[in-house]
Amino acid sequence: MKTYTICGSMRFEKEMKDIAYQLETQKGFNIFQCTYTPENHIPSKKELNEIEKSHYKKIDLSDGIYIVNIDYYIGESVKKEIEYAKEHNKEILYHLK
């Protein structure tokens, strides 16, 4: 069973949750998901820094990353995650919708 960290814009939070479910139940992948911010909460810079560190640790522990790029949108953070994954020889899969 391969492990992937799901990466994508938080504007696609709902879709990423649904995709993670499908990948685990239909493809047999183990998925590390994003940290989702509680509703109506604006994270502090410190919280964002901790979330980012946690996300990169998930990538380190994964076989690869699974990019959710709905309508071909990839933001700056995801571009950095792709570069990080490449630098660490991680597999990169794309979900197009």
PDB file of N, CA and C in Angstrom:
ATOM      1  N   MET A   1       0.847  -1.170   0.000  1.00  0.00           N
ATOM      2  CA  MET A   1       0.000   0.000   0.000  1.00  0.00           C
ATOM      3  C   MET A   1       0.893   1.234   0.000  1.00  0.00           C
ATOM      4  N   LYS A   2       0.700   2.087  -0.978  1.00  0.00           N
ATOM      5  CA  LYS A   2       1.467   3.324  -1.054  1.00  0.00           C
ATOM      6  C   LYS A   2       0.781   4.436  -0.262  1.00  0.00           C
ATOM      7  N   THR A   3       1.610   5.315   0.271  1.00  0.00           N
ATOM      8  CA  THR A   3       1.121   6.459   1.027  1.00  0.00           C
ATOM      9  C   THR A   3       1.383   7.728   0.241  1.00  0.00           C
ATOM     10  N   TYR A   4       0.355   8.568   0.113  1.00  0.00           N
ATOM     11  CA  TYR A   4       0.467   9.843  -0.584  1.00  0.00           C
ATOM     12  C   TYR A   4      -0.042  10.960   0.318  1.00  0.00           C
ATOM     13  N   THR A   5       0.570  12.120   0.188  1.00  0.00           N
ATOM     14  CA  THR A   5       0.074  13.323   0.843  1.00  0.00           C
ATOM     15  C   THR A   5      -0.729  14.090  -0.186  1.00  0.00           C
ATOM     16  N   ILE A   6      -1.951  14.413   0.160  1.00  0.00           N
ATOM     17  CA  ILE A   6      -2.795  15.164  -0.760  1.00  0.00           C
ATOM     18  C   ILE A   6      -2.395  16.640  -0.684  1.00  0.00           C
ATOM     19  N   CYS A   7      -2.237  17.270  -1.841  1.00  0.00           N
ATOM     20  CA  CYS A   7      -1.831  18.672  -1.923  1.00  0.00           C
ATOM     21  C   CYS A   7      -2.781  19.399  -2.859  1.00  0.00           C
ATOM     22  N   GLY A   8      -3.212  20.565  -2.441  1.00  0.00           N
ATOM     23  CA  GLY A   8      -4.099  21.353  -3.281  1.00  0.00           C
ATOM     24  C   GLY A   8      -4.496  22.626  -2.576  1.00  0.00           C
ATOM     25  N   SER A   9      -5.090  23.502  -3.322  1.00  0.00           N
ATOM     26  CA  SER A   9      -5.561  24.766  -2.773  1.00  0.00           C
ATOM     27  C   SER A   9      -6.674  24.513  -1.765  1.00  0.00           C
ATOM     28  N   MET A  10      -6.638  25.250  -0.656  1.00  0.00           N
ATOM     29  CA  MET A  10      -7.671  25.079   0.361  1.00  0.00           C
ATOM     30  C   MET A  10      -9.048  25.513  -0.146  1.00  0.00           C
ATOM     31  N   ARG A  11      -9.101  26.184  -1.281  1.00  0.00           N
ATOM     32  CA  ARG A  11     -10.410  26.499  -1.859  1.00  0.00           C
ATOM     33  C   ARG A  11     -11.121  25.222  -2.318  1.00  0.00           C
ATOM     34  N   PHE A  12     -10.357  24.124  -2.424  1.00  0.00           N
ATOM     35  CA  PHE A  12     -10.905  22.830  -2.821  1.00  0.00           C
ATOM     36  C   PHE A  12     -10.962  21.857  -1.650  1.00  0.00           C
ATOM     37  N   GLU A  13     -11.130  22.386  -0.445  1.00  0.00           N
ATOM     38  CA  GLU A  13     -11.141  21.556   0.762  1.00  0.00           C
ATOM     39  C   GLU A  13     -12.141  20.401   0.673  1.00  0.00           C
ATOM     40  N   LYS A  14     -13.366  20.708   0.319  1.00  0.00           N
ATOM     41  CA  LYS A  14     -14.391  19.659   0.233  1.00  0.00           C
ATOM     42  C   LYS A  14     -13.997  18.603  -0.790  1.00  0.00           C
ATOM     43  N   GLU A  15     -13.549  19.042  -1.940  1.00  0.00           N
ATOM     44  CA  GLU A  15     -13.156  18.104  -2.992  1.00  0.00           C
ATOM     45  C   GLU A  15     -11.984  17.235  -2.545  1.00  0.00           C
ATOM     46  N   MET A  16     -11.017  17.834  -1.827  1.00  0.00           N
ATOM     47  CA  MET A  16      -9.868  17.052  -1.372  1.00  0.00           C
ATOM     48  C   MET A  16     -10.288  15.972  -0.384  1.00  0.00           C
ATOM     49  N   LYS A  17     -11.245  16.286   0.485  1.00  0.00           N
ATOM     50  CA  LYS A  17     -11.751  15.279   1.418  1.00  0.00           C
ATOM     51  C   LYS A  17     -12.412  14.139   0.653  1.00  0.00           C
ATOM     52  N   ASP A  18     -13.236  14.482  -0.340  1.00  0.00           N
ATOM     53  CA  ASP A  18     -13.915  13.465  -1.144  1.00  0.00           C
ATOM     54  C   ASP A  18     -12.915  12.618  -1.927  1.00  0.00           C
ATOM     55  N   ILE A  19     -11.919  13.262  -2.509  1.00  0.00           N
ATOM     56  CA  ILE A  19     -10.901  12.553  -3.293  1.00  0.00           C
ATOM     57  C   ILE A  19     -10.096  11.625  -2.395  1.00  0.00           C
ATOM     58  N   ALA A  20      -9.728  12.084  -1.199  1.00  0.00           N
ATOM     59  CA  ALA A  20      -8.987  11.244  -0.256  1.00  0.00           C
ATOM     60  C   ALA A  20      -9.789   9.983   0.072  1.00  0.00           C
ATOM     61  N   TYR A  21     -11.080  10.142   0.280  1.00  0.00           N
ATOM     62  CA  TYR A  21     -11.953   8.996   0.560  1.00  0.00           C
ATOM     63  C   TYR A  21     -11.935   8.008  -0.610  1.00  0.00           C
ATOM     64  N   GLN A  22     -12.077   8.536  -1.819  1.00  0.00           N
ATOM     65  CA  GLN A  22     -12.080   7.678  -3.005  1.00  0.00           C
ATOM     66  C   GLN A  22     -10.739   6.957  -3.175  1.00  0.00           C
ATOM     67  N   LEU A  23      -9.648   7.663  -2.953  1.00  0.00           N
ATOM     68  CA  LEU A  23      -8.326   7.042  -3.117  1.00  0.00           C
ATOM     69  C   LEU A  23      -8.106   5.911  -2.122  1.00  0.00           C
ATOM     70  N   GLU A  24      -8.593   6.099  -0.903  1.00  0.00           N
ATOM     71  CA  GLU A  24      -8.407   5.053   0.104  1.00  0.00           C
ATOM     72  C   GLU A  24      -9.356   3.875  -0.108  1.00  0.00           C
ATOM     73  N   THR A  25     -10.601   4.154  -0.507  1.00  0.00           N
ATOM     74  CA  THR A  25     -11.582   3.070  -0.630  1.00  0.00           C
ATOM     75  C   THR A  25     -11.556   2.378  -1.988  1.00  0.00           C
ATOM     76  N   GLN A  26     -11.130   3.091  -3.034  1.00  0.00           N
ATOM     77  CA  GLN A  26     -11.169   2.505  -4.366  1.00  0.00           C
ATOM     78  C   GLN A  26      -9.800   2.159  -4.931  1.00  0.00           C
ATOM     79  N   LYS A  27      -8.763   2.896  -4.518  1.00  0.00           N
ATOM     80  CA  LYS A  27      -7.421   2.652  -5.057  1.00  0.00           C
ATOM     81  C   LYS A  27      -6.515   1.927  -4.063  1.00  0.00           C
ATOM     82  N   GLY A  28      -6.934   1.865  -2.797  1.00  0.00           N
ATOM     83  CA  GLY A  28      -6.110   1.204  -1.797  1.00  0.00           C
ATOM     84  C   GLY A  28      -4.911   2.020  -1.349  1.00  0.00           C
ATOM     85  N   PHE A  29      -4.951   3.322  -1.563  1.00  0.00           N
ATOM     86  CA  PHE A  29      -3.868   4.195  -1.119  1.00  0.00           C
ATOM     87  C   PHE A  29      -4.077   4.549   0.354  1.00  0.00           C
ATOM     88  N   ASN A  30      -2.991   4.880   1.020  1.00  0.00           N
ATOM     89  CA  ASN A  30      -3.045   5.479   2.342  1.00  0.00           C
ATOM     90  C   ASN A  30      -2.816   6.970   2.125  1.00  0.00           C
ATOM     91  N   ILE A  31      -3.742   7.806   2.590  1.00  0.00           N
ATOM     92  CA  ILE A  31      -3.675   9.240   2.293  1.00  0.00           C
ATOM     93  C   ILE A  31      -3.464  10.063   3.555  1.00  0.00           C
ATOM     94  N   PHE A  32      -2.420  10.899   3.518  1.00  0.00           N
ATOM     95  CA  PHE A  32      -2.244  11.941   4.519  1.00  0.00           C
ATOM     96  C   PHE A  32      -2.976  13.164   3.985  1.00  0.00           C
ATOM     97  N   GLN A  33      -3.929  13.662   4.739  1.00  0.00           N
ATOM     98  CA  GLN A  33      -4.686  14.818   4.296  1.00  0.00           C
ATOM     99  C   GLN A  33      -4.090  16.110   4.822  1.00  0.00           C
ATOM    100  N   CYS A  34      -4.574  17.200   4.280  1.00  0.00           N
ATOM    101  CA  CYS A  34      -4.207  18.529   4.757  1.00  0.00           C
ATOM    102  C   CYS A  34      -4.771  18.722   6.157  1.00  0.00           C
ATOM    103  N   THR A  35      -4.262  19.720   6.832  1.00  0.00           N
ATOM    104  CA  THR A  35      -4.878  20.157   8.078  1.00  0.00           C
ATOM    105  C   THR A  35      -5.917  21.187   7.695  1.00  0.00           C
ATOM    106  N   TYR A  36      -7.160  20.893   8.021  1.00  0.00           N
ATOM    107  CA  TYR A  36      -8.253  21.780   7.654  1.00  0.00           C
ATOM    108  C   TYR A  36      -8.550  22.730   8.812  1.00  0.00           C
ATOM    109  N   THR A  37      -8.657  24.003   8.517  1.00  0.00           N
ATOM    110  CA  THR A  37      -8.901  25.023   9.530  1.00  0.00           C
ATOM    111  C   THR A  37     -10.359  24.963   9.976  1.00  0.00           C
ATOM    112  N   PRO A  38     -10.596  25.034  11.284  1.00  0.00           N
ATOM    113  CA  PRO A  38     -11.987  25.056  11.759  1.00  0.00           C
ATOM    114  C   PRO A  38     -12.754  26.224  11.131  1.00  0.00           C
ATOM    115  N   GLU A  39     -14.037  26.005  10.954  1.00  0.00           N
ATOM    116  CA  GLU A  39     -14.888  27.030  10.349  1.00  0.00           C
ATOM    117  C   GLU A  39     -14.820  28.335  11.146  1.00  0.00           C
ATOM    118  N   ASN A  40     -14.753  29.426  10.429  1.00  0.00           N
ATOM    119  CA  ASN A  40     -14.713  30.778  11.009  1.00  0.00           C
ATOM    120  C   ASN A  40     -13.458  31.060  11.830  1.00  0.00           C
ATOM    121  N   HIS A  41     -12.396  30.292  11.619  1.00  0.00           N
ATOM    122  CA  HIS A  41     -11.138  30.526  12.334  1.00  0.00           C
ATOM    123  C   HIS A  41     -10.091  31.017  11.338  1.00  0.00           C
ATOM    124  N   ILE A  42      -9.452  32.096  11.674  1.00  0.00           N
ATOM    125  CA  ILE A  42      -8.354  32.601  10.852  1.00  0.00           C
ATOM    126  C   ILE A  42      -7.063  32.253  11.585  1.00  0.00           C
ATOM    127  N   PRO A  43      -6.257  31.350  11.003  1.00  0.00           N
ATOM    128  CA  PRO A  43      -5.054  30.925  11.705  1.00  0.00           C
ATOM    129  C   PRO A  43      -4.018  32.050  11.820  1.00  0.00           C
ATOM    130  N   SER A  44      -3.310  32.034  12.932  1.00  0.00           N
ATOM    131  CA  SER A  44      -2.232  32.995  13.140  1.00  0.00           C
ATOM    132  C   SER A  44      -1.028  32.582  12.291  1.00  0.00           C
ATOM    133  N   LYS A  45      -0.050  33.472  12.171  1.00  0.00           N
ATOM    134  CA  LYS A  45       1.174  33.139  11.432  1.00  0.00           C
ATOM    135  C   LYS A  45       1.865  31.941  12.063  1.00  0.00           C
ATOM    136  N   LYS A  46       1.864  31.893  13.401  1.00  0.00           N
ATOM    137  CA  LYS A  46       2.482  30.758  14.100  1.00  0.00           C
ATOM    138  C   LYS A  46       1.759  29.463  13.749  1.00  0.00           C
ATOM    139  N   GLU A  47       0.429  29.495  13.760  1.00  0.00           N
ATOM    140  CA  GLU A  47      -0.337  28.298  13.404  1.00  0.00           C
ATOM    141  C   GLU A  47      -0.067  27.883  11.962  1.00  0.00           C
ATOM    142  N   LEU A  48      -0.034  28.841  11.061  1.00  0.00           N
ATOM    143  CA  LEU A  48       0.250  28.528   9.655  1.00  0.00           C
ATOM    144  C   LEU A  48       1.631  27.912   9.497  1.00  0.00           C
ATOM    145  N   ASN A  49       2.600  28.411  10.243  1.00  0.00           N
ATOM    146  CA  ASN A  49       3.955  27.861  10.201  1.00  0.00           C
ATOM    147  C   ASN A  49       3.962  26.405  10.675  1.00  0.00           C
ATOM    148  N   GLU A  50       3.230  26.124  11.752  1.00  0.00           N
ATOM    149  CA  GLU A  50       3.153  24.750  12.264  1.00  0.00           C
ATOM    150  C   GLU A  50       2.449  23.828  11.273  1.00  0.00           C
ATOM    151  N   ILE A  51       1.386  24.320  10.664  1.00  0.00           N
ATOM    152  CA  ILE A  51       0.667  23.525   9.661  1.00  0.00           C
ATOM    153  C   ILE A  51       1.586  23.211   8.482  1.00  0.00           C
ATOM    154  N   GLU A  52       2.343  24.204   8.041  1.00  0.00           N
ATOM    155  CA  GLU A  52       3.265  23.997   6.913  1.00  0.00           C
ATOM    156  C   GLU A  52       4.337  22.967   7.264  1.00  0.00           C
ATOM    157  N   LYS A  53       4.919  23.070   8.442  1.00  0.00           N
ATOM    158  CA  LYS A  53       5.944  22.099   8.864  1.00  0.00           C
ATOM    159  C   LYS A  53       5.355  20.689   8.907  1.00  0.00           C
ATOM    160  N   SER A  54       4.151  20.588   9.429  1.00  0.00           N
ATOM    161  CA  SER A  54       3.485  19.296   9.506  1.00  0.00           C
ATOM    162  C   SER A  54       3.231  18.724   8.112  1.00  0.00           C
ATOM    163  N   HIS A  55       2.812  19.588   7.201  1.00  0.00           N
ATOM    164  CA  HIS A  55       2.521  19.137   5.836  1.00  0.00           C
ATOM    165  C   HIS A  55       3.783  18.606   5.146  1.00  0.00           C
ATOM    166  N   TYR A  56       4.890  19.308   5.306  1.00  0.00           N
ATOM    167  CA  TYR A  56       6.139  18.843   4.686  1.00  0.00           C
ATOM    168  C   TYR A  56       6.628  17.554   5.339  1.00  0.00           C
ATOM    169  N   LYS A  57       6.386  17.374   6.618  1.00  0.00           N
ATOM    170  CA  LYS A  57       6.741  16.112   7.285  1.00  0.00           C
ATOM    171  C   LYS A  57       5.908  14.980   6.702  1.00  0.00           C
ATOM    172  N   LYS A  58       4.633  15.247   6.414  1.00  0.00           N
ATOM    173  CA  LYS A  58       3.787  14.243   5.773  1.00  0.00           C
ATOM    174  C   LYS A  58       4.362  13.852   4.417  1.00  0.00           C
ATOM    175  N   ILE A  59       4.839  14.839   3.667  1.00  0.00           N
ATOM    176  CA  ILE A  59       5.465  14.540   2.370  1.00  0.00           C
ATOM    177  C   ILE A  59       6.698  13.675   2.576  1.00  0.00           C
ATOM    178  N   ASP A  60       7.511  14.000   3.583  1.00  0.00           N
ATOM    179  CA  ASP A  60       8.707  13.199   3.876  1.00  0.00           C
ATOM    180  C   ASP A  60       8.349  11.735   4.144  1.00  0.00           C
ATOM    181  N   LEU A  61       7.248  11.505   4.832  1.00  0.00           N
ATOM    182  CA  LEU A  61       6.837  10.152   5.204  1.00  0.00           C
ATOM    183  C   LEU A  61       6.114   9.407   4.089  1.00  0.00           C
ATOM    184  N   SER A  62       5.765  10.122   3.031  1.00  0.00           N
ATOM    185  CA  SER A  62       4.972   9.553   1.934  1.00  0.00           C
ATOM    186  C   SER A  62       5.832   8.986   0.821  1.00  0.00           C
ATOM    187  N   ASP A  63       5.196   8.122   0.027  1.00  0.00           N
ATOM    188  CA  ASP A  63       5.825   7.651  -1.203  1.00  0.00           C
ATOM    189  C   ASP A  63       5.751   8.724  -2.278  1.00  0.00           C
ATOM    190  N   GLY A  64       4.761   9.601  -2.155  1.00  0.00           N
ATOM    191  CA  GLY A  64       4.591  10.652  -3.147  1.00  0.00           C
ATOM    192  C   GLY A  64       3.509  11.630  -2.720  1.00  0.00           C
ATOM    193  N   ILE A  65       3.198  12.534  -3.638  1.00  0.00           N
ATOM    194  CA  ILE A  65       2.137  13.503  -3.390  1.00  0.00           C
ATOM    195  C   ILE A  65       1.062  13.333  -4.458  1.00  0.00           C
ATOM    196  N   TYR A  66      -0.157  13.671  -4.067  1.00  0.00           N
ATOM    197  CA  TYR A  66      -1.299  13.593  -4.973  1.00  0.00           C
ATOM    198  C   TYR A  66      -1.851  15.000  -5.104  1.00  0.00           C
ATOM    199  N   ILE A  67      -1.667  15.594  -6.273  1.00  0.00           N
ATOM    200  CA  ILE A  67      -2.019  16.984  -6.516  1.00  0.00           C
ATOM    201  C   ILE A  67      -3.464  17.086  -6.994  1.00  0.00           C
ATOM    202  N   VAL A  68      -4.256  17.836  -6.241  1.00  0.00           N
ATOM    203  CA  VAL A  68      -5.633  18.131  -6.649  1.00  0.00           C
ATOM    204  C   VAL A  68      -5.590  19.489  -7.338  1.00  0.00           C
ATOM    205  N   ASN A  69      -5.753  19.472  -8.645  1.00  0.00           N
ATOM    206  CA  ASN A  69      -5.680  20.715  -9.425  1.00  0.00           C
ATOM    207  C   ASN A  69      -6.939  20.873 -10.261  1.00  0.00           C
ATOM    208  N   ILE A  70      -8.006  21.178  -9.568  1.00  0.00           N
ATOM    209  CA  ILE A  70      -9.304  21.360 -10.213  1.00  0.00           C
ATOM    210  C   ILE A  70      -9.240  22.578 -11.135  1.00  0.00           C
ATOM    211  N   ASP A  71      -9.753  22.404 -12.336  1.00  0.00           N
ATOM    212  CA  ASP A  71      -9.688  23.444 -13.370  1.00  0.00           C
ATOM    213  C   ASP A  71      -8.255  23.897 -13.624  1.00  0.00           C
ATOM    214  N   TYR A  72      -7.310  22.982 -13.410  1.00  0.00           N
ATOM    215  CA  TYR A  72      -5.871  23.208 -13.658  1.00  0.00           C
ATOM    216  C   TYR A  72      -5.269  24.280 -12.749  1.00  0.00           C
ATOM    217  N   TYR A  73      -5.916  24.570 -11.624  1.00  0.00           N
ATOM    218  CA  TYR A  73      -5.387  25.586 -10.710  1.00  0.00           C
ATOM    219  C   TYR A  73      -4.378  24.969  -9.745  1.00  0.00           C
ATOM    220  N   ILE A  74      -3.181  25.530  -9.734  1.00  0.00           N
ATOM    221  CA  ILE A  74      -2.150  25.173  -8.765  1.00  0.00           C
ATOM    222  C   ILE A  74      -1.600  26.481  -8.216  1.00  0.00           C
ATOM    223  N   GLY A  75      -1.772  26.687  -6.918  1.00  0.00           N
ATOM    224  CA  GLY A  75      -1.292  27.913  -6.277  1.00  0.00           C
ATOM    225  C   GLY A  75       0.189  27.852  -5.953  1.00  0.00           C
ATOM    226  N   GLU A  76       0.698  28.930  -5.416  1.00  0.00           N
ATOM    227  CA  GLU A  76       2.125  29.040  -5.106  1.00  0.00           C
ATOM    228  C   GLU A  76       2.578  28.010  -4.075  1.00  0.00           C
ATOM    229  N   SER A  77       1.769  27.768  -3.054  1.00  0.00           N
ATOM    230  CA  SER A  77       2.149  26.783  -2.032  1.00  0.00           C
ATOM    231  C   SER A  77       2.276  25.393  -2.637  1.00  0.00           C
ATOM    232  N   VAL A  78       1.337  25.041  -3.497  1.00  0.00           N
ATOM    233  CA  VAL A  78       1.381  23.719  -4.122  1.00  0.00           C
ATOM    234  C   VAL A  78       2.574  23.614  -5.069  1.00  0.00           C
ATOM    235  N   LYS A  79       2.895  24.683  -5.765  1.00  0.00           N
ATOM    236  CA  LYS A  79       4.091  24.674  -6.625  1.00  0.00           C
ATOM    237  C   LYS A  79       5.333  24.380  -5.794  1.00  0.00           C
ATOM    238  N   LYS A  80       5.422  24.971  -4.610  1.00  0.00           N
ATOM    239  CA  LYS A  80       6.561  24.714  -3.711  1.00  0.00           C
ATOM    240  C   LYS A  80       6.560  23.261  -3.238  1.00  0.00           C
ATOM    241  N   GLU A  81       5.383  22.724  -2.963  1.00  0.00           N
ATOM    242  CA  GLU A  81       5.289  21.328  -2.529  1.00  0.00           C
ATOM    243  C   GLU A  81       5.712  20.382  -3.644  1.00  0.00           C
ATOM    244  N   ILE A  82       5.368  20.703  -4.880  1.00  0.00           N
ATOM    245  CA  ILE A  82       5.788  19.886  -6.018  1.00  0.00           C
ATOM    246  C   ILE A  82       7.304  19.915  -6.145  1.00  0.00           C
ATOM    247  N   GLU A  83       7.893  21.085  -6.045  1.00  0.00           N
ATOM    248  CA  GLU A  83       9.355  21.193  -6.124  1.00  0.00           C
ATOM    249  C   GLU A  83      10.024  20.413  -4.992  1.00  0.00           C
ATOM    250  N   TYR A  84       9.476  20.531  -3.789  1.00  0.00           N
ATOM    251  CA  TYR A  84      10.008  19.794  -2.645  1.00  0.00           C
ATOM    252  C   TYR A  84       9.944  18.287  -2.909  1.00  0.00           C
ATOM    253  N   ALA A  85       8.812  17.825  -3.423  1.00  0.00           N
ATOM    254  CA  ALA A  85       8.660  16.400  -3.718  1.00  0.00           C
ATOM    255  C   ALA A  85       9.662  15.944  -4.777  1.00  0.00           C
ATOM    256  N   LYS A  86       9.859  16.760  -5.801  1.00  0.00           N
ATOM    257  CA  LYS A  86      10.849  16.426  -6.840  1.00  0.00           C
ATOM    258  C   LYS A  86      12.242  16.322  -6.247  1.00  0.00           C
ATOM    259  N   GLU A  87      12.606  17.298  -5.408  1.00  0.00           N
ATOM    260  CA  GLU A  87      13.932  17.310  -4.777  1.00  0.00           C
ATOM    261  C   GLU A  87      14.163  16.081  -3.898  1.00  0.00           C
ATOM    262  N   HIS A  88      13.071  15.520  -3.389  1.00  0.00           N
ATOM    263  CA  HIS A  88      13.180  14.360  -2.500  1.00  0.00           C
ATOM    264  C   HIS A  88      12.761  13.056  -3.186  1.00  0.00           C
ATOM    265  N   ASN A  89      12.752  13.093  -4.512  1.00  0.00           N
ATOM    266  CA  ASN A  89      12.474  11.908  -5.333  1.00  0.00           C
ATOM    267  C   ASN A  89      11.160  11.224  -4.976  1.00  0.00           C
ATOM    268  N   LYS A  90      10.133  12.024  -4.785  1.00  0.00           N
ATOM    269  CA  LYS A  90       8.802  11.496  -4.487  1.00  0.00           C
ATOM    270  C   LYS A  90       7.990  11.405  -5.769  1.00  0.00           C
ATOM    271  N   GLU A  91       7.155  10.403  -5.839  1.00  0.00           N
ATOM    272  CA  GLU A  91       6.245  10.256  -6.977  1.00  0.00           C
ATOM    273  C   GLU A  91       5.218  11.394  -6.929  1.00  0.00           C
ATOM    274  N   ILE A  92       4.829  11.887  -8.093  1.00  0.00           N
ATOM    275  CA  ILE A  92       3.850  12.974  -8.166  1.00  0.00           C
ATOM    276  C   ILE A  92       2.700  12.522  -9.067  1.00  0.00           C
ATOM    277  N   LEU A  93       1.512  12.457  -8.481  1.00  0.00           N
ATOM    278  CA  LEU A  93       0.305  12.098  -9.215  1.00  0.00           C
ATOM    279  C   LEU A  93      -0.606  13.310  -9.281  1.00  0.00           C
ATOM    280  N   TYR A  94      -1.348  13.429 -10.363  1.00  0.00           N
ATOM    281  CA  TYR A  94      -2.244  14.572 -10.553  1.00  0.00           C
ATOM    282  C   TYR A  94      -3.683  14.105 -10.694  1.00  0.00           C
ATOM    283  N   HIS A  95      -4.572  14.825 -10.048  1.00  0.00           N
ATOM    284  CA  HIS A  95      -6.002  14.598 -10.171  1.00  0.00           C
ATOM    285  C   HIS A  95      -6.579  15.767 -10.966  1.00  0.00           C
ATOM    286  N   LEU A  96      -7.039  15.503 -12.146  1.00  0.00           N
ATOM    287  CA  LEU A  96      -7.610  16.557 -12.985  1.00  0.00           C
ATOM    288  C   LEU A  96      -9.119  16.441 -12.966  1.00  0.00           C
ATOM    289  N   LYS A  97      -9.760  17.571 -12.817  1.00  0.00           N
ATOM    290  CA  LYS A  97     -11.221  17.568 -12.823  1.00  0.00           C
ATOM    291  C   LYS A  97     -11.707  18.783 -13.558  1.00  0.00           C
TER     292      LYS A  97
END
